Amino acid sequence: MDVKIHWNSTLELFEHAYRLREFTREWLKNPKYSDYQPLFTTQVEWTTVKYVMEVFWPFRYWTLWMSKRHTVTLHHAITVYNDMFDHIDGVMQALAKKKTQ
C-alpha cells in the first residue's frame, strides 16, 4: 500500500473541494442545475471538512518527508510518532472545547 498517495490524495480532495466551494455554490444557482442544489454542502459540513484537513496535514508532511529519503528512516519513528500524537491530542482538545449543536 502506498501510504503517501492514500493519505495525501484524501487531503488534496478536501482542499480542492474547499477552495472551489464558492464557485460550486454559484454554479448551482443556475436553474439548469437546480436538481443538484440540495446536494451542496452546508456550512456545518464545510466546517467539518476544515477540521478533517487540519487532522490530515501532518500526515502529508511526514509522508512526503519520508518518501524523499533514500535511506533508512526507522530512527525517525519516535519523532514522527510524537509529532503525530501531539497533533492529534491538540486537535482533540480543541474539538472538546467547541460547542456543537
C-alpha atoms as a PDB file:
ATOM      1  CA  MET A   1       0.000   0.000   0.000  1.00  0.00           C
ATOM      2  CA  ASP A   2       1.354   3.424  -0.927  1.00  0.00           C
ATOM      3  CA  VAL A   3       0.524   5.479   2.155  1.00  0.00           C
ATOM      4  CA  LYS A   4       1.764   8.709   0.566  1.00  0.00           C
ATOM      5  CA  ILE A   5      -0.895   8.510  -2.119  1.00  0.00           C
ATOM      6  CA  HIS A   6      -3.785   7.355   0.065  1.00  0.00           C
ATOM      7  CA  TRP A   7      -3.473   9.937   2.845  1.00  0.00           C
ATOM      8  CA  ASN A   8      -2.398  12.792   0.658  1.00  0.00           C
ATOM      9  CA  SER A   9      -4.936  12.224  -2.089  1.00  0.00           C
ATOM     10  CA  THR A  10      -7.694  12.356   0.521  1.00  0.00           C
ATOM     11  CA  LEU A  11      -6.347  15.631   1.863  1.00  0.00           C
ATOM     12  CA  GLU A  12      -5.941  17.051  -1.643  1.00  0.00           C
ATOM     13  CA  LEU A  13      -9.522  16.111  -2.471  1.00  0.00           C
ATOM     14  CA  PHE A  14     -10.791  18.011   0.576  1.00  0.00           C
ATOM     15  CA  GLU A  15      -8.555  21.018  -0.120  1.00  0.00           C
ATOM     16  CA  HIS A  16      -9.666  21.205  -3.740  1.00  0.00           C
ATOM     17  CA  ALA A  17     -13.348  20.976  -2.820  1.00  0.00           C
ATOM     18  CA  TYR A  18     -12.898  23.574  -0.077  1.00  0.00           C
ATOM     19  CA  ARG A  19     -11.192  26.031  -2.450  1.00  0.00           C
ATOM     20  CA  LEU A  20     -13.986  25.582  -5.018  1.00  0.00           C
ATOM     21  CA  ARG A  21     -16.929  25.780  -2.591  1.00  0.00           C
ATOM     22  CA  GLU A  22     -17.975  29.328  -3.572  1.00  0.00           C
ATOM     23  CA  PHE A  23     -17.641  28.574  -7.284  1.00  0.00           C
ATOM     24  CA  THR A  24     -19.742  25.442  -6.802  1.00  0.00           C
ATOM     25  CA  ARG A  25     -22.389  27.417  -4.922  1.00  0.00           C
ATOM     26  CA  GLU A  26     -22.594  29.945  -7.785  1.00  0.00           C
ATOM     27  CA  TRP A  27     -22.724  27.155 -10.358  1.00  0.00           C
ATOM     28  CA  LEU A  28     -25.653  25.557  -8.526  1.00  0.00           C
ATOM     29  CA  LYS A  29     -27.613  28.828  -8.632  1.00  0.00           C
ATOM     30  CA  ASN A  30     -28.062  28.242 -12.345  1.00  0.00           C
ATOM     31  CA  PRO A  31     -31.665  26.959 -12.834  1.00  0.00           C
ATOM     32  CA  LYS A  32     -30.278  24.329 -15.186  1.00  0.00           C
ATOM     33  CA  TYR A  33     -28.694  22.607 -12.152  1.00  0.00           C
ATOM     34  CA  SER A  34     -31.462  23.199  -9.620  1.00  0.00           C
ATOM     35  CA  ASP A  35     -31.941  19.454  -9.107  1.00  0.00           C
ATOM     36  CA  TYR A  36     -28.453  19.326  -7.586  1.00  0.00           C
ATOM     37  CA  GLN A  37     -28.857  22.240  -5.154  1.00  0.00           C
ATOM     38  CA  PRO A  38     -29.894  20.019  -2.205  1.00  0.00           C
ATOM     39  CA  LEU A  39     -26.587  18.178  -2.581  1.00  0.00           C
ATOM     40  CA  PHE A  40     -24.491  21.260  -1.871  1.00  0.00           C
ATOM     41  CA  THR A  41     -22.522  21.042   1.339  1.00  0.00           C
ATOM     42  CA  THR A  42     -23.822  23.087   4.289  1.00  0.00           C
ATOM     43  CA  GLN A  43     -21.667  25.481   6.306  1.00  0.00           C
ATOM     44  CA  VAL A  44     -21.554  22.952   9.166  1.00  0.00           C
ATOM     45  CA  GLU A  45     -20.298  20.307   6.741  1.00  0.00           C
ATOM     46  CA  TRP A  46     -17.626  22.693   5.394  1.00  0.00           C
ATOM     47  CA  THR A  47     -16.500  23.316   8.968  1.00  0.00           C
ATOM     48  CA  THR A  48     -16.156  19.568   9.426  1.00  0.00           C
ATOM     49  CA  VAL A  49     -14.147  19.322   6.206  1.00  0.00           C
ATOM     50  CA  LYS A  50     -11.836  22.042   7.531  1.00  0.00           C
ATOM     51  CA  TYR A  51     -11.314  20.083  10.769  1.00  0.00           C
ATOM     52  CA  VAL A  52     -10.542  16.926   8.809  1.00  0.00           C
ATOM     53  CA  MET A  53      -7.972  18.842   6.742  1.00  0.00           C
ATOM     54  CA  GLU A  54      -6.332  20.076   9.938  1.00  0.00           C
ATOM     55  CA  VAL A  55      -6.045  16.487  11.153  1.00  0.00           C
ATOM     56  CA  PHE A  56      -4.538  15.249   7.856  1.00  0.00           C
ATOM     57  CA  TRP A  57      -1.926  17.997   7.332  1.00  0.00           C
ATOM     58  CA  PRO A  58       0.798  16.335   9.457  1.00  0.00           C
ATOM     59  CA  PHE A  59       0.192  13.048   7.650  1.00  0.00           C
ATOM     60  CA  ARG A  60       1.068  14.785   4.384  1.00  0.00           C
ATOM     61  CA  TYR A  61       4.102  16.467   5.866  1.00  0.00           C
ATOM     62  CA  TRP A  62       5.575  13.266   7.292  1.00  0.00           C
ATOM     63  CA  THR A  63       4.716  11.007   4.365  1.00  0.00           C
ATOM     64  CA  LEU A  64       6.262  13.440   1.877  1.00  0.00           C
ATOM     65  CA  TRP A  65       9.262  13.970   4.127  1.00  0.00           C
ATOM     66  CA  MET A  66       9.858  10.239   4.493  1.00  0.00           C
ATOM     67  CA  SER A  67       9.225   9.492   0.819  1.00  0.00           C
ATOM     68  CA  LYS A  68      12.058  11.887  -0.138  1.00  0.00           C
ATOM     69  CA  ARG A  69      14.553   9.916   1.942  1.00  0.00           C
ATOM     70  CA  HIS A  70      16.645   7.352   0.176  1.00  0.00           C
ATOM     71  CA  THR A  71      17.962   5.875   3.397  1.00  0.00           C
ATOM     72  CA  VAL A  72      16.560   4.029   6.386  1.00  0.00           C
ATOM     73  CA  THR A  73      14.138   6.250   8.322  1.00  0.00           C
ATOM     74  CA  LEU A  74      13.447   3.974  11.272  1.00  0.00           C
ATOM     75  CA  HIS A  75      15.449   6.202  13.621  1.00  0.00           C
ATOM     76  CA  HIS A  76      12.923   8.981  12.898  1.00  0.00           C
ATOM     77  CA  ALA A  77       9.967   6.861  14.036  1.00  0.00           C
ATOM     78  CA  ILE A  78       9.859   8.332  17.562  1.00  0.00           C
ATOM     79  CA  THR A  79       9.953  11.904  16.222  1.00  0.00           C
ATOM     80  CA  VAL A  80       7.151  11.174  13.762  1.00  0.00           C
ATOM     81  CA  TYR A  81       5.143   9.289  16.382  1.00  0.00           C
ATOM     82  CA  ASN A  82       5.467  12.094  18.950  1.00  0.00           C
ATOM     83  CA  ASP A  83       4.617  14.811  16.438  1.00  0.00           C
ATOM     84  CA  MET A  84       1.580  12.952  15.131  1.00  0.00           C
ATOM     85  CA  PHE A  85       0.189  12.146  18.561  1.00  0.00           C
ATOM     86  CA  ASP A  86       0.895  15.652  19.870  1.00  0.00           C
ATOM     87  CA  HIS A  87      -1.023  16.996  16.885  1.00  0.00           C
ATOM     88  CA  ILE A  88      -3.937  14.597  17.408  1.00  0.00           C
ATOM     89  CA  ASP A  89      -4.015  15.441  21.144  1.00  0.00           C
ATOM     90  CA  GLY A  90      -4.149  19.138  20.276  1.00  0.00           C
ATOM     91  CA  VAL A  91      -6.951  18.593  17.775  1.00  0.00           C
ATOM     92  CA  MET A  92      -8.913  16.524  20.287  1.00  0.00           C
ATOM     93  CA  GLN A  93      -8.507  19.200  22.977  1.00  0.00           C
ATOM     94  CA  ALA A  94      -9.607  21.937  20.572  1.00  0.00           C
ATOM     95  CA  LEU A  95     -12.653  19.912  19.495  1.00  0.00           C
ATOM     96  CA  ALA A  96     -13.576  19.187  23.119  1.00  0.00           C
ATOM     97  CA  LYS A  97     -13.721  22.944  23.772  1.00  0.00           C
ATOM     98  CA  LYS A  98     -16.032  23.585  20.831  1.00  0.00           C
ATOM     99  CA  LYS A  99     -19.742  23.582  21.392  1.00  0.00           C
ATOM    100  CA  THR A 100     -21.651  21.548  18.865  1.00  0.00           C
ATOM    101  CA  GLN A 101     -25.308  21.747  18.068  1.00  0.00           C
END
